[in-house]
């Protein structure tokens, strides 16, 4: 879920950029949906951290040191 929070807006922007040739509304709806899903997942992760003290670290890119 944490990786989805990070990469859903990126995927949404890429799909929105390449999908703008379909219609104008496709890119607007696509980017909005992906960012909204990412925000909802962020709230869920934040709530789990507050309620269950469920914290963790995730390695995303190993070469960034």
N, C-alpha and C. Protein backbone atom coordinates (compact mmCIF):
# COMPACT_ATOMS: atom_id res chain seq x y z
N UNK A 1 0.83 -1.18 0.00
CA UNK A 1 0.00 0.00 0.00
C UNK A 1 0.87 1.25 0.00
N UNK A 2 1.99 1.18 0.72
CA UNK A 2 2.85 2.36 0.78
C UNK A 2 3.49 2.67 -0.56
N UNK A 3 3.81 1.63 -1.31
CA UNK A 3 4.37 1.86 -2.64
C UNK A 3 3.32 2.44 -3.59
N UNK A 4 2.08 2.04 -3.41
CA UNK A 4 0.99 2.59 -4.23
C UNK A 4 0.81 4.07 -3.96
N UNK A 5 0.97 4.50 -2.71
CA UNK A 5 0.86 5.91 -2.37
C UNK A 5 1.90 6.72 -3.13
N UNK A 6 3.06 6.16 -3.27
CA UNK A 6 4.14 6.87 -3.94
C UNK A 6 3.99 6.88 -5.45
N UNK A 7 3.60 5.76 -6.03
CA UNK A 7 3.64 5.64 -7.48
C UNK A 7 2.32 5.89 -8.19
N UNK A 8 1.18 5.90 -7.49
CA UNK A 8 -0.10 6.17 -8.17
C UNK A 8 -0.16 7.56 -8.80
N UNK A 9 0.27 8.63 -8.13
CA UNK A 9 0.25 9.92 -8.82
C UNK A 9 1.16 9.97 -10.05
N UNK A 10 2.30 9.27 -9.98
CA UNK A 10 3.19 9.21 -11.13
C UNK A 10 2.53 8.48 -12.29
N UNK A 11 1.91 7.35 -12.01
CA UNK A 11 1.22 6.59 -13.06
C UNK A 11 0.05 7.40 -13.62
N UNK A 12 -0.67 8.07 -12.75
CA UNK A 12 -1.79 8.90 -13.20
C UNK A 12 -1.36 10.03 -14.10
N UNK A 13 -0.22 10.65 -13.78
CA UNK A 13 0.25 11.75 -14.63
C UNK A 13 0.73 11.24 -15.98
N UNK A 14 1.37 10.07 -15.99
CA UNK A 14 1.82 9.50 -17.26
C UNK A 14 0.62 9.12 -18.13
N UNK A 15 -0.37 8.46 -17.52
CA UNK A 15 -1.57 8.10 -18.28
C UNK A 15 -2.33 9.34 -18.75
N UNK A 16 -2.37 10.36 -17.91
CA UNK A 16 -3.04 11.59 -18.29
C UNK A 16 -2.34 12.31 -19.43
N UNK A 17 -1.01 12.25 -19.42
CA UNK A 17 -0.25 12.90 -20.50
C UNK A 17 -0.47 12.19 -21.83
N UNK A 18 -0.35 10.87 -21.81
CA UNK A 18 -0.51 10.14 -23.06
C UNK A 18 -1.98 9.97 -23.45
N UNK A 19 -2.89 10.13 -22.51
CA UNK A 19 -4.30 9.98 -22.81
C UNK A 19 -4.98 11.25 -23.22
N UNK A 20 -4.26 12.35 -23.26
CA UNK A 20 -4.90 13.61 -23.65
C UNK A 20 -5.28 13.65 -25.11
N UNK A 21 -4.76 12.70 -25.89
CA UNK A 21 -5.15 12.65 -27.30
C UNK A 21 -6.56 12.10 -27.46
N UNK A 22 -7.05 11.34 -26.45
CA UNK A 22 -8.42 10.83 -26.52
C UNK A 22 -9.42 11.97 -26.37
N UNK A 23 -9.50 12.47 -25.18
CA UNK A 23 -10.33 13.65 -24.89
C UNK A 23 -9.65 14.46 -23.81
N UNK A 24 -10.10 15.67 -23.67
CA UNK A 24 -9.56 16.52 -22.61
C UNK A 24 -9.97 15.99 -21.25
N UNK A 25 -11.16 15.49 -21.14
CA UNK A 25 -11.67 15.04 -19.85
C UNK A 25 -11.03 13.73 -19.39
N UNK A 26 -10.52 12.92 -20.31
CA UNK A 26 -9.88 11.67 -19.92
C UNK A 26 -8.65 11.94 -19.06
N UNK A 27 -7.82 12.88 -19.47
CA UNK A 27 -6.62 13.18 -18.70
C UNK A 27 -6.97 13.82 -17.36
N UNK A 28 -7.99 14.67 -17.33
CA UNK A 28 -8.39 15.30 -16.07
C UNK A 28 -8.93 14.27 -15.09
N UNK A 29 -9.79 13.40 -15.57
CA UNK A 29 -10.39 12.39 -14.70
C UNK A 29 -9.35 11.38 -14.24
N UNK A 30 -8.47 10.96 -15.13
CA UNK A 30 -7.45 9.97 -14.79
C UNK A 30 -6.53 10.48 -13.70
N UNK A 31 -5.99 11.66 -13.87
CA UNK A 31 -5.07 12.19 -12.87
C UNK A 31 -5.79 12.45 -11.55
N UNK A 32 -7.01 12.92 -11.60
CA UNK A 32 -7.75 13.18 -10.37
C UNK A 32 -8.05 11.89 -9.62
N UNK A 33 -8.43 10.85 -10.32
CA UNK A 33 -8.75 9.57 -9.68
C UNK A 33 -7.51 8.97 -9.02
N UNK A 34 -6.39 8.97 -9.73
CA UNK A 34 -5.19 8.38 -9.17
C UNK A 34 -4.67 9.16 -7.96
N UNK A 35 -4.73 10.48 -8.00
CA UNK A 35 -4.29 11.28 -6.85
C UNK A 35 -5.26 11.11 -5.68
N UNK A 36 -6.55 10.99 -5.96
CA UNK A 36 -7.53 10.77 -4.90
C UNK A 36 -7.33 9.43 -4.22
N UNK A 37 -7.08 8.39 -5.00
CA UNK A 37 -6.82 7.07 -4.41
C UNK A 37 -5.56 7.12 -3.55
N UNK A 38 -4.55 7.82 -4.02
CA UNK A 38 -3.32 7.95 -3.25
C UNK A 38 -3.56 8.71 -1.94
N UNK A 39 -4.40 9.73 -1.98
CA UNK A 39 -4.71 10.48 -0.76
C UNK A 39 -5.49 9.63 0.23
N UNK A 40 -6.43 8.83 -0.25
CA UNK A 40 -7.21 7.96 0.63
C UNK A 40 -6.31 6.91 1.27
N UNK A 41 -5.41 6.33 0.49
CA UNK A 41 -4.47 5.36 1.05
C UNK A 41 -3.53 6.02 2.06
N UNK A 42 -3.14 7.26 1.82
CA UNK A 42 -2.30 7.98 2.78
C UNK A 42 -3.02 8.19 4.09
N UNK A 43 -4.29 8.50 4.04
CA UNK A 43 -5.08 8.68 5.27
C UNK A 43 -5.19 7.36 6.02
N UNK A 44 -5.37 6.26 5.31
CA UNK A 44 -5.45 4.95 5.95
C UNK A 44 -4.13 4.59 6.63
N UNK A 45 -3.01 4.83 5.96
CA UNK A 45 -1.71 4.54 6.56
C UNK A 45 -1.46 5.43 7.77
N UNK A 46 -1.83 6.69 7.67
CA UNK A 46 -1.68 7.60 8.80
C UNK A 46 -2.53 7.16 9.98
N UNK A 47 -3.76 6.75 9.71
CA UNK A 47 -4.65 6.29 10.77
C UNK A 47 -4.13 5.02 11.43
N UNK A 48 -3.59 4.10 10.64
CA UNK A 48 -2.99 2.89 11.22
C UNK A 48 -1.81 3.23 12.10
N UNK A 49 -1.06 4.24 11.73
CA UNK A 49 0.06 4.67 12.56
C UNK A 49 -0.39 5.26 13.87
N UNK A 50 -1.49 6.00 13.86
CA UNK A 50 -1.99 6.59 15.09
C UNK A 50 -2.65 5.56 16.00
N UNK A 51 -3.49 4.74 15.44
CA UNK A 51 -4.28 3.81 16.24
C UNK A 51 -3.50 2.56 16.66
N UNK A 52 -2.81 1.95 15.73
CA UNK A 52 -2.19 0.65 16.00
C UNK A 52 -0.69 0.74 16.22
N UNK A 53 -0.14 1.96 16.17
CA UNK A 53 1.31 2.16 16.28
C UNK A 53 2.04 1.29 15.26
N UNK A 54 1.50 1.22 14.07
CA UNK A 54 2.02 0.38 13.00
C UNK A 54 2.87 1.23 12.06
N UNK A 55 4.17 1.34 12.41
CA UNK A 55 5.09 2.13 11.60
C UNK A 55 6.10 1.20 10.95
N UNK A 56 6.54 1.55 9.76
CA UNK A 56 7.56 0.74 9.10
C UNK A 56 8.30 1.61 8.09
N UNK A 57 9.50 1.17 7.76
CA UNK A 57 10.31 1.83 6.75
C UNK A 57 10.36 0.94 5.53
N UNK A 58 10.29 1.57 4.35
CA UNK A 58 10.31 0.81 3.11
C UNK A 58 11.45 1.32 2.24
N UNK A 59 12.23 0.41 1.75
CA UNK A 59 13.33 0.74 0.86
C UNK A 59 12.77 0.89 -0.56
N UNK A 60 12.92 2.08 -1.12
CA UNK A 60 12.39 2.34 -2.45
C UNK A 60 13.51 2.28 -3.48
N UNK A 61 14.52 3.05 -3.28
CA UNK A 61 15.65 3.05 -4.20
C UNK A 61 16.92 2.83 -3.38
N UNK A 62 17.60 1.78 -3.66
CA UNK A 62 18.77 1.42 -2.87
C UNK A 62 19.98 2.29 -3.20
N UNK A 63 20.06 2.81 -4.39
CA UNK A 63 21.23 3.57 -4.81
C UNK A 63 21.24 5.00 -4.27
N UNK A 64 20.14 5.46 -3.68
CA UNK A 64 20.10 6.81 -3.12
C UNK A 64 20.63 6.72 -1.69
N UNK A 65 21.87 7.05 -1.52
CA UNK A 65 22.50 7.03 -0.19
C UNK A 65 23.19 8.35 0.07
